[in-house]
């Protein structure tokens, strides 16, 4: 399976479909996640996000793979029906974009995940006002 195929399967089965067994096939033991590493930590991050946005879905816009990794450009949509950090549930829909970069181990499993996204835009859609600190 190519890195591009593995990346697509990760998004379809782990990020979107919540097929936890797929995480154990696709994610290496040392892959960083929420409060630890490996498939359990990656699943914990996604469970935490779905606590805030139970209908969260990712759509791949572009996948580019090399000999060592893959880059994903994606869009996400969902409705905030649970707390998101300090933000209580608002019932508001959100749409935001991001990019995720994956590296793989010798067995073709995801060994590292690095993501950037439009968190500020997501917070604005939830009605959060960000106030800069006073100059002192």
N, C-alpha and C. Protein backbone atom coordinates (compact mmCIF):
# COMPACT_ATOMS: atom_id res chain seq x y z
N UNK A 1 0.85 -1.17 0.00
CA UNK A 1 0.00 0.00 0.00
C UNK A 1 0.90 1.24 0.00
N UNK A 2 0.58 2.21 -0.84
CA UNK A 2 1.39 3.43 -0.91
C UNK A 2 1.11 4.33 0.29
N UNK A 3 2.00 5.28 0.54
CA UNK A 3 1.78 6.23 1.63
C UNK A 3 0.52 7.06 1.40
N UNK A 4 0.25 7.39 0.14
CA UNK A 4 -0.97 8.15 -0.17
C UNK A 4 -2.21 7.31 0.18
N UNK A 5 -2.18 6.03 -0.14
CA UNK A 5 -3.31 5.14 0.19
C UNK A 5 -3.47 5.00 1.71
N UNK A 6 -2.36 4.87 2.42
CA UNK A 6 -2.43 4.77 3.87
C UNK A 6 -3.00 6.04 4.47
N UNK A 7 -2.58 7.18 3.96
CA UNK A 7 -3.10 8.47 4.45
C UNK A 7 -4.60 8.58 4.21
N UNK A 8 -5.04 8.21 3.02
CA UNK A 8 -6.48 8.26 2.70
C UNK A 8 -7.26 7.31 3.62
N UNK A 9 -6.71 6.14 3.86
CA UNK A 9 -7.38 5.17 4.73
C UNK A 9 -7.44 5.68 6.17
N UNK A 10 -6.38 6.33 6.63
CA UNK A 10 -6.35 6.90 7.98
C UNK A 10 -7.49 7.91 8.15
N UNK A 11 -7.65 8.79 7.18
CA UNK A 11 -8.70 9.81 7.26
C UNK A 11 -10.08 9.15 7.18
N UNK A 12 -10.27 8.27 6.21
CA UNK A 12 -11.59 7.65 6.01
C UNK A 12 -11.99 6.76 7.19
N UNK A 13 -11.07 5.93 7.66
CA UNK A 13 -11.45 4.94 8.66
C UNK A 13 -11.25 5.39 10.10
N UNK A 14 -10.18 6.13 10.38
CA UNK A 14 -9.91 6.52 11.77
C UNK A 14 -10.51 7.89 12.07
N UNK A 15 -10.20 8.88 11.24
CA UNK A 15 -10.70 10.23 11.51
C UNK A 15 -12.21 10.34 11.34
N UNK A 16 -12.74 9.73 10.27
CA UNK A 16 -14.17 9.92 9.97
C UNK A 16 -15.07 8.79 10.46
N UNK A 17 -14.70 7.55 10.21
CA UNK A 17 -15.60 6.43 10.47
C UNK A 17 -15.45 5.85 11.87
N UNK A 18 -14.44 6.29 12.62
CA UNK A 18 -14.23 5.81 13.99
C UNK A 18 -13.99 4.30 14.05
N UNK A 19 -13.40 3.73 13.02
CA UNK A 19 -13.04 2.31 13.02
C UNK A 19 -11.72 2.19 13.79
N UNK A 20 -11.84 1.97 15.07
CA UNK A 20 -10.66 1.98 15.92
C UNK A 20 -9.68 0.86 15.57
N UNK A 21 -10.16 -0.26 15.09
CA UNK A 21 -9.26 -1.36 14.73
C UNK A 21 -8.28 -0.92 13.63
N UNK A 22 -8.73 -0.03 12.75
CA UNK A 22 -7.85 0.45 11.67
C UNK A 22 -6.67 1.23 12.23
N UNK A 23 -6.85 1.92 13.35
CA UNK A 23 -5.74 2.66 13.95
C UNK A 23 -4.61 1.72 14.34
N UNK A 24 -4.95 0.52 14.80
CA UNK A 24 -3.92 -0.44 15.22
C UNK A 24 -3.18 -1.02 14.01
N UNK A 25 -3.79 -0.97 12.85
CA UNK A 25 -3.12 -1.42 11.62
C UNK A 25 -2.26 -0.32 11.02
N UNK A 26 -2.70 0.94 11.16
CA UNK A 26 -2.09 2.04 10.43
C UNK A 26 -1.11 2.88 11.22
N UNK A 27 -1.20 2.87 12.55
CA UNK A 27 -0.41 3.78 13.39
C UNK A 27 0.65 3.01 14.16
N UNK A 28 1.88 3.50 14.12
CA UNK A 28 3.00 2.88 14.82
C UNK A 28 2.91 3.13 16.33
N UNK A 29 3.52 2.26 17.09
CA UNK A 29 3.50 2.35 18.55
C UNK A 29 4.05 3.68 19.05
N UNK A 30 5.05 4.24 18.41
CA UNK A 30 5.66 5.47 18.87
C UNK A 30 5.04 6.75 18.36
N UNK A 31 3.99 6.66 17.56
CA UNK A 31 3.37 7.85 16.98
C UNK A 31 2.75 8.71 18.09
N UNK A 32 3.10 10.00 18.15
CA UNK A 32 2.55 10.85 19.21
C UNK A 32 1.07 11.10 19.06
N UNK A 33 0.40 11.24 20.20
CA UNK A 33 -1.03 11.53 20.23
C UNK A 33 -1.37 12.24 21.51
N UNK A 34 -2.62 12.17 21.94
CA UNK A 34 -3.06 12.85 23.15
C UNK A 34 -2.54 12.10 24.37
N UNK A 35 -1.70 12.75 25.16
CA UNK A 35 -1.19 12.19 26.42
C UNK A 35 -0.52 10.83 26.24
N UNK A 36 0.33 10.72 25.24
CA UNK A 36 1.06 9.47 25.06
C UNK A 36 1.42 9.25 23.61
N UNK A 37 1.58 7.98 23.26
CA UNK A 37 1.93 7.67 21.89
C UNK A 37 1.27 6.36 21.46
N UNK A 38 1.25 6.15 20.16
CA UNK A 38 0.70 4.94 19.59
C UNK A 38 -0.76 5.07 19.22
N UNK A 39 -1.34 3.99 18.74
CA UNK A 39 -2.73 4.01 18.30
C UNK A 39 -3.70 4.50 19.37
N UNK A 40 -3.50 4.08 20.62
CA UNK A 40 -4.41 4.51 21.69
C UNK A 40 -4.39 6.02 21.88
N UNK A 41 -3.21 6.62 21.80
CA UNK A 41 -3.09 8.07 21.98
C UNK A 41 -3.69 8.83 20.80
N UNK A 42 -3.51 8.30 19.60
CA UNK A 42 -4.13 8.92 18.41
C UNK A 42 -5.65 8.83 18.52
N UNK A 43 -6.14 7.67 18.91
CA UNK A 43 -7.59 7.50 19.09
C UNK A 43 -8.13 8.42 20.18
N UNK A 44 -7.36 8.61 21.25
CA UNK A 44 -7.80 9.49 22.34
C UNK A 44 -7.98 10.91 21.84
N UNK A 45 -7.06 11.37 20.97
CA UNK A 45 -7.19 12.73 20.42
C UNK A 45 -8.49 12.85 19.62
N UNK A 46 -8.77 11.86 18.78
CA UNK A 46 -9.98 11.91 17.95
C UNK A 46 -11.25 11.76 18.79
N UNK A 47 -11.21 10.93 19.82
CA UNK A 47 -12.37 10.83 20.72
C UNK A 47 -12.63 12.17 21.41
N UNK A 48 -11.56 12.82 21.86
CA UNK A 48 -11.68 14.12 22.52
C UNK A 48 -12.31 15.15 21.57
N UNK A 49 -11.86 15.17 20.33
CA UNK A 49 -12.40 16.13 19.36
C UNK A 49 -13.87 15.84 19.07
N UNK A 50 -14.23 14.53 18.99
CA UNK A 50 -15.63 14.17 18.73
C UNK A 50 -16.53 14.44 19.93
N UNK A 51 -15.95 14.58 21.13
CA UNK A 51 -16.73 14.99 22.29
C UNK A 51 -17.24 16.41 22.09
N UNK A 52 -16.45 17.22 21.41
CA UNK A 52 -16.83 18.62 21.13
C UNK A 52 -17.68 18.73 19.87
N UNK A 53 -17.36 17.94 18.86
CA UNK A 53 -18.01 18.00 17.55
C UNK A 53 -18.35 16.57 17.13
N UNK A 54 -19.47 16.05 17.60
CA UNK A 54 -19.77 14.63 17.38
C UNK A 54 -19.96 14.27 15.90
N UNK A 55 -20.32 15.26 15.08
CA UNK A 55 -20.50 14.99 13.64
C UNK A 55 -19.32 15.47 12.81
N UNK A 56 -18.16 15.67 13.43
CA UNK A 56 -16.98 16.18 12.73
C UNK A 56 -16.59 15.25 11.59
N UNK A 57 -16.40 15.83 10.41
CA UNK A 57 -15.99 15.05 9.24
C UNK A 57 -14.92 15.81 8.49
N UNK A 58 -13.95 15.06 8.00
CA UNK A 58 -12.84 15.61 7.24
C UNK A 58 -13.00 15.22 5.78
N UNK A 59 -12.76 16.18 4.90
CA UNK A 59 -12.77 15.92 3.46
C UNK A 59 -11.37 16.21 2.94
N UNK A 60 -10.77 15.22 2.30
CA UNK A 60 -9.45 15.44 1.72
C UNK A 60 -9.57 16.30 0.47
N UNK A 61 -8.76 17.33 0.41
CA UNK A 61 -8.70 18.21 -0.75
C UNK A 61 -7.56 17.79 -1.65
N UNK A 62 -6.44 17.40 -1.01
CA UNK A 62 -5.26 17.01 -1.78
C UNK A 62 -4.39 16.10 -0.94
N UNK A 63 -3.80 15.11 -1.57
CA UNK A 63 -2.83 14.22 -0.93
C UNK A 63 -1.59 14.18 -1.82
N UNK A 64 -0.44 14.47 -1.22
CA UNK A 64 0.83 14.41 -1.94
C UNK A 64 1.74 13.49 -1.14
N UNK A 65 2.29 12.49 -1.80
CA UNK A 65 3.15 11.53 -1.10
C UNK A 65 4.55 11.55 -1.71
N UNK A 66 5.51 11.26 -0.86
CA UNK A 66 6.90 11.14 -1.30
C UNK A 66 7.42 9.77 -0.88
N UNK A 67 8.73 9.60 -0.95
CA UNK A 67 9.33 8.33 -0.54
C UNK A 67 9.35 8.16 0.97
N UNK A 68 9.13 9.26 1.72
CA UNK A 68 9.23 9.19 3.17
C UNK A 68 7.96 9.59 3.91
N UNK A 69 7.00 10.18 3.22
CA UNK A 69 5.82 10.65 3.93
C UNK A 69 4.70 11.09 3.01
N UNK A 70 3.73 11.75 3.62
CA UNK A 70 2.57 12.24 2.87
C UNK A 70 2.11 13.55 3.50
N UNK A 71 1.60 14.43 2.64
CA UNK A 71 1.02 15.69 3.08
C UNK A 71 -0.45 15.69 2.66
N UNK A 72 -1.30 16.07 3.60
CA UNK A 72 -2.74 16.09 3.35
C UNK A 72 -3.25 17.51 3.51
N UNK A 73 -4.02 17.97 2.56
CA UNK A 73 -4.75 19.23 2.74
C UNK A 73 -6.20 18.84 2.89
N UNK A 74 -6.87 19.36 3.93
CA UNK A 74 -8.22 18.90 4.24
C UNK A 74 -9.12 20.06 4.66
N UNK A 75 -10.41 19.79 4.62
CA UNK A 75 -11.43 20.69 5.16
C UNK A 75 -12.24 19.88 6.16
N UNK A 76 -12.63 20.52 7.25
CA UNK A 76 -13.41 19.86 8.29
C UNK A 76 -14.69 20.64 8.53
N UNK A 77 -15.75 19.91 8.82
CA UNK A 77 -17.03 20.52 9.18
C UNK A 77 -17.61 19.76 10.36
N UNK A 78 -18.37 20.46 11.17
CA UNK A 78 -19.02 19.82 12.30
C UNK A 78 -19.86 20.83 13.05
N UNK A 79 -20.54 20.35 14.06
CA UNK A 79 -21.38 21.18 14.91
C UNK A 79 -20.89 21.02 16.35
N UNK A 80 -20.67 22.12 17.03
CA UNK A 80 -20.17 22.05 18.40
C UNK A 80 -21.31 21.71 19.34
N UNK A 81 -21.40 20.44 19.71
CA UNK A 81 -22.47 19.98 20.60
C UNK A 81 -21.93 19.53 21.95
N UNK A 82 -20.67 19.82 22.20
CA UNK A 82 -20.04 19.54 23.49
C UNK A 82 -19.00 20.60 23.76
N UNK A 83 -18.47 20.66 24.98
CA UNK A 83 -17.47 21.68 25.28
C UNK A 83 -16.20 21.49 24.45
N UNK A 84 -15.62 22.59 24.03
CA UNK A 84 -14.36 22.61 23.28
C UNK A 84 -13.38 23.44 24.10
N UNK A 85 -12.55 22.76 24.89
CA UNK A 85 -11.71 23.48 25.85
C UNK A 85 -12.62 24.23 26.80
N UNK A 86 -12.36 25.53 26.98
CA UNK A 86 -13.19 26.32 27.89
C UNK A 86 -14.50 26.81 27.26
N UNK A 87 -14.73 26.51 25.97
CA UNK A 87 -15.91 27.01 25.28
C UNK A 87 -17.05 26.01 25.45
N UNK A 88 -18.12 26.41 26.15
CA UNK A 88 -19.25 25.48 26.31
C UNK A 88 -19.93 25.23 24.96
N UNK A 89 -20.69 24.16 24.88
CA UNK A 89 -21.39 23.82 23.64
C UNK A 89 -22.23 25.00 23.18
N UNK A 90 -22.12 25.30 21.88
CA UNK A 90 -22.85 26.44 21.31
C UNK A 90 -23.93 25.98 20.33
N UNK A 91 -23.82 24.76 19.81
CA UNK A 91 -24.74 24.31 18.78
C UNK A 91 -24.44 24.91 17.41
N UNK A 92 -23.32 25.63 17.30
CA UNK A 92 -22.97 26.30 16.04
C UNK A 92 -22.20 25.36 15.10
N UNK A 93 -22.49 25.48 13.81
CA UNK A 93 -21.69 24.73 12.84
C UNK A 93 -20.35 25.43 12.61
N UNK A 94 -19.34 24.65 12.30
CA UNK A 94 -18.03 25.19 11.97
C UNK A 94 -17.53 24.55 10.68
N UNK A 95 -16.69 25.28 9.99
CA UNK A 95 -15.99 24.79 8.81
C UNK A 95 -14.61 25.43 8.83
N UNK A 96 -13.59 24.61 8.73
CA UNK A 96 -12.23 25.14 8.75
C UNK A 96 -11.33 24.20 7.95
N UNK A 97 -10.14 24.67 7.66
CA UNK A 97 -9.21 23.90 6.84
C UNK A 97 -7.91 23.68 7.59
N UNK A 98 -7.13 22.75 7.07
CA UNK A 98 -5.84 22.48 7.67
C UNK A 98 -4.98 21.61 6.77
N UNK A 99 -3.80 21.33 7.27
CA UNK A 99 -2.86 20.45 6.57
C UNK A 99 -2.22 19.54 7.61
N UNK A 100 -2.03 18.30 7.22
CA UNK A 100 -1.41 17.31 8.10
C UNK A 100 -0.26 16.65 7.34
N UNK A 101 0.84 16.50 8.03
CA UNK A 101 2.04 15.90 7.44
C UNK A 101 2.32 14.61 8.20
N UNK A 102 2.46 13.53 7.47
CA UNK A 102 2.67 12.21 8.06
C UNK A 102 4.05 11.69 7.66
N UNK A 103 4.73 11.07 8.61
CA UNK A 103 5.93 10.30 8.28
C UNK A 103 5.64 8.85 8.65
N UNK A 104 6.37 7.95 8.04
CA UNK A 104 6.09 6.52 8.18
C UNK A 104 7.32 5.77 8.65
N UNK A 105 7.07 4.65 9.34
CA UNK A 105 8.18 3.80 9.76
C UNK A 105 8.49 2.77 8.67
N UNK A 106 9.44 1.89 8.94
CA UNK A 106 9.87 0.90 7.95
C UNK A 106 8.76 -0.08 7.59
N UNK A 107 7.75 -0.23 8.48
CA UNK A 107 6.63 -1.13 8.21
C UNK A 107 5.48 -0.45 7.49
N UNK A 108 5.66 0.84 7.13
CA UNK A 108 4.61 1.57 6.43
C UNK A 108 3.51 2.12 7.33
N UNK A 109 3.75 2.14 8.64
CA UNK A 109 2.77 2.69 9.59
C UNK A 109 3.10 4.16 9.88
N UNK A 110 2.08 4.91 10.22
CA UNK A 110 2.26 6.32 10.55
C UNK A 110 3.09 6.42 11.82
N UNK A 111 4.25 7.08 11.70
CA UNK A 111 5.18 7.20 12.82
C UNK A 111 5.13 8.58 13.47
N UNK A 112 4.68 9.59 12.71
CA UNK A 112 4.60 10.94 13.25
C UNK A 112 3.52 11.71 12.49
N UNK A 113 2.84 12.56 13.23
CA UNK A 113 1.77 13.39 12.67
C UNK A 113 2.01 14.82 13.11
N UNK A 114 1.99 15.74 12.16
CA UNK A 114 2.13 17.16 12.47
C UNK A 114 1.05 17.89 11.68
N UNK A 115 0.20 18.63 12.40
CA UNK A 115 -0.93 19.31 11.75
C UNK A 115 -0.94 20.79 12.06
N UNK A 116 -1.42 21.55 11.10
CA UNK A 116 -1.72 22.97 11.28
C UNK A 116 -3.15 23.17 10.79
N UNK A 117 -3.87 24.08 11.46
CA UNK A 117 -5.25 24.32 11.03
C UNK A 117 -5.68 25.73 11.40
N UNK A 118 -6.85 26.09 10.95
CA UNK A 118 -7.40 27.42 11.16
C UNK A 118 -8.16 27.48 12.49
N UNK A 119 -7.44 27.24 13.58
CA UNK A 119 -8.06 27.23 14.90
C UNK A 119 -8.70 28.58 15.24
N UNK A 120 -8.03 29.67 14.88
CA UNK A 120 -8.58 30.99 15.17
C UNK A 120 -9.92 31.17 14.45
N UNK A 121 -10.00 30.74 13.20
CA UNK A 121 -11.26 30.83 12.45
C UNK A 121 -12.34 29.97 13.10
N UNK A 122 -11.98 28.78 13.55
CA UNK A 122 -12.93 27.91 14.23
C UNK A 122 -13.47 28.59 15.49
N UNK A 123 -12.60 29.18 16.28
CA UNK A 123 -13.02 29.87 17.50
C UNK A 123 -13.93 31.06 17.19
N UNK A 124 -13.62 31.80 16.13
CA UNK A 124 -14.49 32.91 15.73
C UNK A 124 -15.89 32.40 15.38
N UNK A 125 -15.97 31.27 14.70
CA UNK A 125 -17.27 30.71 14.34
C UNK A 125 -18.07 30.28 15.57
N UNK A 126 -17.37 29.98 16.66
CA UNK A 126 -18.04 29.61 17.91
C UNK A 126 -18.42 30.84 18.74
N UNK A 127 -18.05 32.02 18.25
CA UNK A 127 -18.38 33.25 18.95
C UNK A 127 -17.37 33.66 20.00
N UNK A 128 -16.19 33.07 19.97
CA UNK A 128 -15.15 33.41 20.94
C UNK A 128 -14.51 34.72 20.53
N UNK A 129 -14.33 35.62 21.49
CA UNK A 129 -13.65 36.87 21.28
C UNK A 129 -12.29 36.78 21.92
N UNK A 130 -11.26 37.05 21.14
CA UNK A 130 -9.90 37.01 21.64
C UNK A 130 -9.46 38.43 21.90
N UNK A 131 -9.07 38.71 23.14
CA UNK A 131 -8.64 40.04 23.52
C UNK A 131 -7.14 40.00 23.80
N UNK A 132 -6.39 40.83 23.09
CA UNK A 132 -4.94 40.84 23.35
C UNK A 132 -4.64 41.38 24.74
N UNK A 133 -3.54 40.95 25.34
CA UNK A 133 -3.19 41.46 26.66
C UNK A 133 -2.85 42.95 26.59
N UNK A 134 -3.06 43.64 27.69
CA UNK A 134 -2.73 45.06 27.75
C UNK A 134 -1.22 45.22 27.71
N UNK A 135 -0.77 46.30 27.05
CA UNK A 135 0.64 46.61 27.03
C UNK A 135 1.07 47.06 28.41
N UNK A 136 2.14 46.55 28.94
CA UNK A 136 2.52 46.91 30.29
C UNK A 136 3.90 47.20 30.43
